[in-house]
Amino acid sequence: MLMSMNRLLQQHGFNARIFKSAGALFGHGAFEEASCIVLDINLEDESGIDLHRRLADQGIKIPTIFVTGNDSHAARAAAIASGCIAYLAKPFSAKSFIESVERACASAA
């Protein structure tokens, strides 16, 4: 799924970077270069929602899109409460994903 989203983003002219873990993303540190972040709710080493909150606590406010294969009312409510731009349950359409990224990038501008 990660590689498919990356290819889709590149096909639509976005320069995407992939991070295989929350730690890798957080350690990267060049957040001023990002127009948006796409986070899975269930990351291997941390919840995507927890990572989003941790970034916000450090003053890093980047439009965020959450994706999940384990949709639940609680996850959706927590994601929306965290201030995400979009919440997409897998499987989602390429169109809905790209529209969410475009909306996120527009809000960052």
N, C-alpha and C. Protein backbone atom coordinates (compact mmCIF):
# COMPACT_ATOMS: atom_id res chain seq x y z
N MET A 1 0.83 -1.19 0.00
CA MET A 1 0.00 0.00 0.00
C MET A 1 0.87 1.25 0.00
N LEU A 2 1.93 1.22 0.80
CA LEU A 2 2.83 2.37 0.90
C LEU A 2 3.45 2.71 -0.46
N MET A 3 3.92 1.69 -1.15
CA MET A 3 4.55 1.93 -2.45
C MET A 3 3.51 2.38 -3.49
N SER A 4 2.30 1.85 -3.39
CA SER A 4 1.23 2.27 -4.32
C SER A 4 0.89 3.74 -4.12
N MET A 5 0.78 4.16 -2.86
CA MET A 5 0.48 5.57 -2.60
C MET A 5 1.62 6.45 -3.08
N ASN A 6 2.85 6.01 -2.91
CA ASN A 6 4.01 6.78 -3.36
C ASN A 6 3.98 6.94 -4.89
N ARG A 7 3.73 5.85 -5.61
CA ARG A 7 3.65 5.93 -7.08
C ARG A 7 2.52 6.85 -7.52
N LEU A 8 1.38 6.74 -6.86
CA LEU A 8 0.24 7.59 -7.19
C LEU A 8 0.58 9.07 -6.98
N LEU A 9 1.22 9.37 -5.88
CA LEU A 9 1.62 10.76 -5.61
C LEU A 9 2.59 11.26 -6.68
N GLN A 10 3.56 10.44 -7.04
CA GLN A 10 4.52 10.84 -8.07
C GLN A 10 3.84 11.05 -9.41
N GLN A 11 2.89 10.19 -9.75
CA GLN A 11 2.16 10.33 -11.01
C GLN A 11 1.37 11.64 -11.08
N HIS A 12 1.02 12.17 -9.92
CA HIS A 12 0.26 13.42 -9.86
C HIS A 12 1.16 14.62 -9.55
N GLY A 13 2.46 14.44 -9.69
CA GLY A 13 3.40 15.55 -9.57
C GLY A 13 3.84 15.91 -8.15
N PHE A 14 3.55 15.05 -7.20
CA PHE A 14 3.98 15.33 -5.82
C PHE A 14 5.33 14.67 -5.56
N ASN A 15 6.16 15.35 -4.81
CA ASN A 15 7.45 14.83 -4.39
C ASN A 15 7.27 14.23 -3.00
N ALA A 16 7.15 12.92 -2.93
CA ALA A 16 6.86 12.25 -1.66
C ALA A 16 8.11 11.59 -1.09
N ARG A 17 8.16 11.55 0.22
CA ARG A 17 9.19 10.81 0.95
C ARG A 17 8.49 9.77 1.80
N ILE A 18 9.04 8.58 1.81
CA ILE A 18 8.45 7.49 2.58
C ILE A 18 9.30 7.23 3.82
N PHE A 19 8.60 7.06 4.92
CA PHE A 19 9.26 6.69 6.18
C PHE A 19 8.59 5.42 6.68
N LYS A 20 9.39 4.44 7.03
CA LYS A 20 8.84 3.13 7.40
C LYS A 20 8.41 3.04 8.85
N SER A 21 8.66 4.11 9.62
CA SER A 21 8.25 4.09 11.02
C SER A 21 8.05 5.52 11.51
N ALA A 22 7.36 5.63 12.65
CA ALA A 22 7.16 6.94 13.28
C ALA A 22 8.51 7.52 13.67
N GLY A 23 9.38 6.68 14.19
CA GLY A 23 10.71 7.14 14.59
C GLY A 23 11.51 7.71 13.42
N ALA A 24 11.41 7.06 12.27
CA ALA A 24 12.12 7.55 11.08
C ALA A 24 11.58 8.90 10.64
N LEU A 25 10.27 9.05 10.65
CA LEU A 25 9.66 10.33 10.28
C LEU A 25 10.07 11.41 11.27
N PHE A 26 9.91 11.12 12.53
CA PHE A 26 10.22 12.12 13.56
C PHE A 26 11.70 12.49 13.53
N GLY A 27 12.55 11.49 13.29
CA GLY A 27 13.99 11.73 13.24
C GLY A 27 14.45 12.49 12.01
N HIS A 28 13.65 12.47 10.96
CA HIS A 28 14.01 13.16 9.72
C HIS A 28 14.17 14.66 9.96
N GLY A 29 13.18 15.23 10.60
CA GLY A 29 13.28 16.60 11.08
C GLY A 29 13.09 17.73 10.09
N ALA A 30 13.08 17.49 8.79
CA ALA A 30 12.94 18.58 7.82
C ALA A 30 11.47 18.85 7.53
N PHE A 31 10.70 19.15 8.57
CA PHE A 31 9.26 19.31 8.41
C PHE A 31 8.88 20.58 7.66
N GLU A 32 9.77 21.56 7.62
CA GLU A 32 9.46 22.79 6.89
C GLU A 32 9.35 22.54 5.39
N GLU A 33 9.87 21.42 4.91
CA GLU A 33 9.80 21.07 3.50
C GLU A 33 8.48 20.40 3.14
N ALA A 34 7.72 19.95 4.14
CA ALA A 34 6.51 19.16 3.89
C ALA A 34 5.28 20.04 3.71
N SER A 35 4.46 19.69 2.73
CA SER A 35 3.17 20.35 2.55
C SER A 35 2.08 19.63 3.31
N CYS A 36 2.26 18.31 3.49
CA CYS A 36 1.33 17.52 4.28
C CYS A 36 2.01 16.22 4.68
N ILE A 37 1.37 15.53 5.61
CA ILE A 37 1.84 14.22 6.05
C ILE A 37 0.68 13.25 5.92
N VAL A 38 0.98 12.07 5.41
CA VAL A 38 0.00 10.98 5.36
C VAL A 38 0.46 9.95 6.37
N LEU A 39 -0.38 9.69 7.36
CA LEU A 39 -0.03 8.75 8.43
C LEU A 39 -1.05 7.63 8.52
N ASP A 40 -0.55 6.43 8.69
CA ASP A 40 -1.44 5.32 9.00
C ASP A 40 -1.78 5.42 10.48
N ILE A 41 -3.00 5.11 10.82
CA ILE A 41 -3.41 5.12 12.23
C ILE A 41 -2.59 4.12 13.03
N ASN A 42 -2.35 2.95 12.43
CA ASN A 42 -1.65 1.86 13.12
C ASN A 42 -0.24 1.69 12.57
N LEU A 43 0.68 2.51 13.07
CA LEU A 43 2.08 2.37 12.70
C LEU A 43 2.70 1.25 13.52
N GLU A 44 3.80 0.74 13.03
CA GLU A 44 4.46 -0.37 13.71
C GLU A 44 4.94 0.01 15.11
N ASP A 45 5.48 1.20 15.26
CA ASP A 45 6.10 1.56 16.53
C ASP A 45 5.34 2.62 17.31
N GLU A 46 4.23 3.10 16.79
CA GLU A 46 3.48 4.15 17.48
C GLU A 46 2.16 4.37 16.74
N SER A 47 1.17 4.84 17.43
CA SER A 47 -0.08 5.22 16.78
C SER A 47 0.17 6.47 15.93
N GLY A 48 -0.41 6.50 14.74
CA GLY A 48 -0.29 7.69 13.91
C GLY A 48 -0.90 8.91 14.58
N ILE A 49 -1.96 8.69 15.33
CA ILE A 49 -2.60 9.80 16.05
C ILE A 49 -1.67 10.31 17.15
N ASP A 50 -1.02 9.40 17.86
CA ASP A 50 -0.06 9.82 18.89
C ASP A 50 1.11 10.57 18.27
N LEU A 51 1.58 10.10 17.13
CA LEU A 51 2.67 10.80 16.45
C LEU A 51 2.24 12.20 16.04
N HIS A 52 1.05 12.32 15.51
CA HIS A 52 0.52 13.63 15.11
C HIS A 52 0.47 14.58 16.31
N ARG A 53 0.00 14.07 17.44
CA ARG A 53 -0.05 14.89 18.66
C ARG A 53 1.35 15.27 19.14
N ARG A 54 2.28 14.32 19.03
CA ARG A 54 3.66 14.61 19.46
C ARG A 54 4.28 15.70 18.59
N LEU A 55 4.03 15.64 17.30
CA LEU A 55 4.52 16.69 16.40
C LEU A 55 3.90 18.03 16.78
N ALA A 56 2.59 18.05 16.99
CA ALA A 56 1.90 19.30 17.36
C ALA A 56 2.43 19.85 18.68
N ASP A 57 2.71 18.97 19.63
CA ASP A 57 3.26 19.42 20.93
C ASP A 57 4.61 20.10 20.77
N GLN A 58 5.32 19.75 19.69
CA GLN A 58 6.62 20.37 19.44
C GLN A 58 6.51 21.55 18.47
N GLY A 59 5.28 21.98 18.21
CA GLY A 59 5.06 23.14 17.36
C GLY A 59 5.09 22.83 15.88
N ILE A 60 5.09 21.57 15.52
CA ILE A 60 5.12 21.16 14.11
C ILE A 60 3.68 20.93 13.67
N LYS A 61 3.15 21.90 12.94
CA LYS A 61 1.76 21.85 12.52
C LYS A 61 1.71 21.73 11.00
N ILE A 62 1.53 20.51 10.54
CA ILE A 62 1.48 20.21 9.11
C ILE A 62 0.14 19.53 8.83
N PRO A 63 -0.56 19.93 7.78
CA PRO A 63 -1.80 19.25 7.44
C PRO A 63 -1.58 17.74 7.34
N THR A 64 -2.46 16.98 7.98
CA THR A 64 -2.28 15.53 8.08
C THR A 64 -3.49 14.78 7.56
N ILE A 65 -3.19 13.73 6.81
CA ILE A 65 -4.20 12.81 6.31
C ILE A 65 -3.95 11.48 7.01
N PHE A 66 -5.00 10.94 7.62
CA PHE A 66 -4.89 9.62 8.24
C PHE A 66 -5.50 8.58 7.32
N VAL A 67 -4.83 7.43 7.23
CA VAL A 67 -5.37 6.28 6.52
C VAL A 67 -5.38 5.10 7.50
N THR A 68 -6.33 4.20 7.30
CA THR A 68 -6.39 3.04 8.18
C THR A 68 -7.08 1.87 7.51
N GLY A 69 -6.62 0.69 7.86
CA GLY A 69 -7.27 -0.53 7.44
C GLY A 69 -8.18 -1.08 8.52
N ASN A 70 -8.16 -0.43 9.68
CA ASN A 70 -8.96 -0.85 10.83
C ASN A 70 -9.87 0.30 11.26
N ASP A 71 -10.81 0.62 10.39
CA ASP A 71 -11.72 1.73 10.65
C ASP A 71 -12.60 1.42 11.87
N SER A 72 -12.70 2.39 12.74
CA SER A 72 -13.61 2.28 13.87
C SER A 72 -14.09 3.68 14.22
N HIS A 73 -15.20 3.73 14.91
CA HIS A 73 -15.74 5.03 15.34
C HIS A 73 -14.72 5.74 16.23
N ALA A 74 -14.08 5.00 17.15
CA ALA A 74 -13.12 5.60 18.07
C ALA A 74 -11.91 6.18 17.32
N ALA A 75 -11.38 5.44 16.36
CA ALA A 75 -10.22 5.92 15.60
C ALA A 75 -10.60 7.14 14.77
N ARG A 76 -11.75 7.07 14.13
CA ARG A 76 -12.22 8.20 13.31
C ARG A 76 -12.41 9.45 14.17
N ALA A 77 -13.03 9.29 15.33
CA ALA A 77 -13.26 10.42 16.24
C ALA A 77 -11.94 11.01 16.75
N ALA A 78 -10.99 10.14 17.10
CA ALA A 78 -9.69 10.62 17.58
C ALA A 78 -8.93 11.35 16.48
N ALA A 79 -8.98 10.83 15.26
CA ALA A 79 -8.30 11.47 14.14
C ALA A 79 -8.89 12.84 13.86
N ILE A 80 -10.21 12.91 13.83
CA ILE A 80 -10.88 14.19 13.56
C ILE A 80 -10.60 15.18 14.68
N ALA A 81 -10.63 14.70 15.92
CA ALA A 81 -10.34 15.57 17.06
C ALA A 81 -8.91 16.11 17.03
N SER A 82 -8.01 15.36 16.42
CA SER A 82 -6.61 15.82 16.34
C SER A 82 -6.42 16.90 15.29
N GLY A 83 -7.46 17.14 14.47
CA GLY A 83 -7.38 18.21 13.48
C GLY A 83 -6.90 17.77 12.11
N CYS A 84 -7.12 16.52 11.75
CA CYS A 84 -6.66 16.04 10.45
C CYS A 84 -7.46 16.68 9.32
N ILE A 85 -6.87 16.72 8.14
CA ILE A 85 -7.52 17.23 6.94
C ILE A 85 -8.47 16.19 6.36
N ALA A 86 -8.06 14.90 6.46
CA ALA A 86 -8.88 13.82 5.92
C ALA A 86 -8.60 12.53 6.68
N TYR A 87 -9.59 11.65 6.66
CA TYR A 87 -9.51 10.32 7.26
C TYR A 87 -10.03 9.36 6.21
N LEU A 88 -9.16 8.47 5.75
CA LEU A 88 -9.52 7.55 4.68
C LEU A 88 -9.40 6.10 5.16
N ALA A 89 -10.48 5.36 5.04
CA ALA A 89 -10.47 3.94 5.40
C ALA A 89 -10.10 3.13 4.16
N LYS A 90 -9.15 2.22 4.33
CA LYS A 90 -8.73 1.33 3.24
C LYS A 90 -9.81 0.28 3.01
N PRO A 91 -10.06 -0.08 1.77
CA PRO A 91 -9.45 0.49 0.57
C PRO A 91 -10.16 1.79 0.18
N PHE A 92 -9.40 2.76 -0.23
CA PHE A 92 -9.97 4.03 -0.68
C PHE A 92 -9.57 4.23 -2.13
N SER A 93 -10.29 5.08 -2.80
CA SER A 93 -10.02 5.30 -4.23
C SER A 93 -8.82 6.22 -4.40
N ALA A 94 -8.17 6.07 -5.53
CA ALA A 94 -7.05 6.95 -5.87
C ALA A 94 -7.52 8.39 -5.91
N LYS A 95 -8.72 8.59 -6.44
CA LYS A 95 -9.27 9.94 -6.55
C LYS A 95 -9.45 10.58 -5.18
N SER A 96 -10.03 9.85 -4.22
CA SER A 96 -10.24 10.43 -2.89
C SER A 96 -8.91 10.71 -2.20
N PHE A 97 -7.91 9.88 -2.44
CA PHE A 97 -6.60 10.10 -1.85
C PHE A 97 -5.96 11.36 -2.42
N ILE A 98 -5.91 11.46 -3.73
CA ILE A 98 -5.29 12.63 -4.37
C ILE A 98 -6.05 13.90 -4.03
N GLU A 99 -7.36 13.86 -4.01
CA GLU A 99 -8.14 15.05 -3.62
C GLU A 99 -7.81 15.48 -2.19
N SER A 100 -7.62 14.51 -1.31
CA SER A 100 -7.27 14.83 0.09
C SER A 100 -5.89 15.47 0.15
N VAL A 101 -4.95 14.93 -0.61
CA VAL A 101 -3.58 15.49 -0.63
C VAL A 101 -3.62 16.91 -1.20
N GLU A 102 -4.35 17.12 -2.27
CA GLU A 102 -4.46 18.45 -2.86
C GLU A 102 -5.07 19.45 -1.87
N ARG A 103 -6.10 19.01 -1.16
CA ARG A 103 -6.74 19.88 -0.15
C ARG A 103 -5.75 20.19 0.99
N ALA A 104 -5.00 19.20 1.42
CA ALA A 104 -4.01 19.39 2.48
C ALA A 104 -2.91 20.37 2.04
N CYS A 105 -2.43 20.18 0.82
CA CYS A 105 -1.37 21.07 0.31
C CYS A 105 -1.88 22.51 0.15
N ALA A 106 -3.12 22.65 -0.28
CA ALA A 106 -3.73 23.98 -0.43
C ALA A 106 -3.86 24.67 0.92
N SER A 107 -4.15 23.90 1.95
CA SER A 107 -4.32 24.52 3.28
C SER A 107 -2.96 24.90 3.87
N ALA A 108 -1.89 24.29 3.38
CA ALA A 108 -0.55 24.61 3.89
C ALA A 108 0.00 25.87 3.24
N ALA A 109 -0.54 26.21 2.08
CA ALA A 109 0.00 27.35 1.33
C ALA A 109 -0.38 28.68 1.93
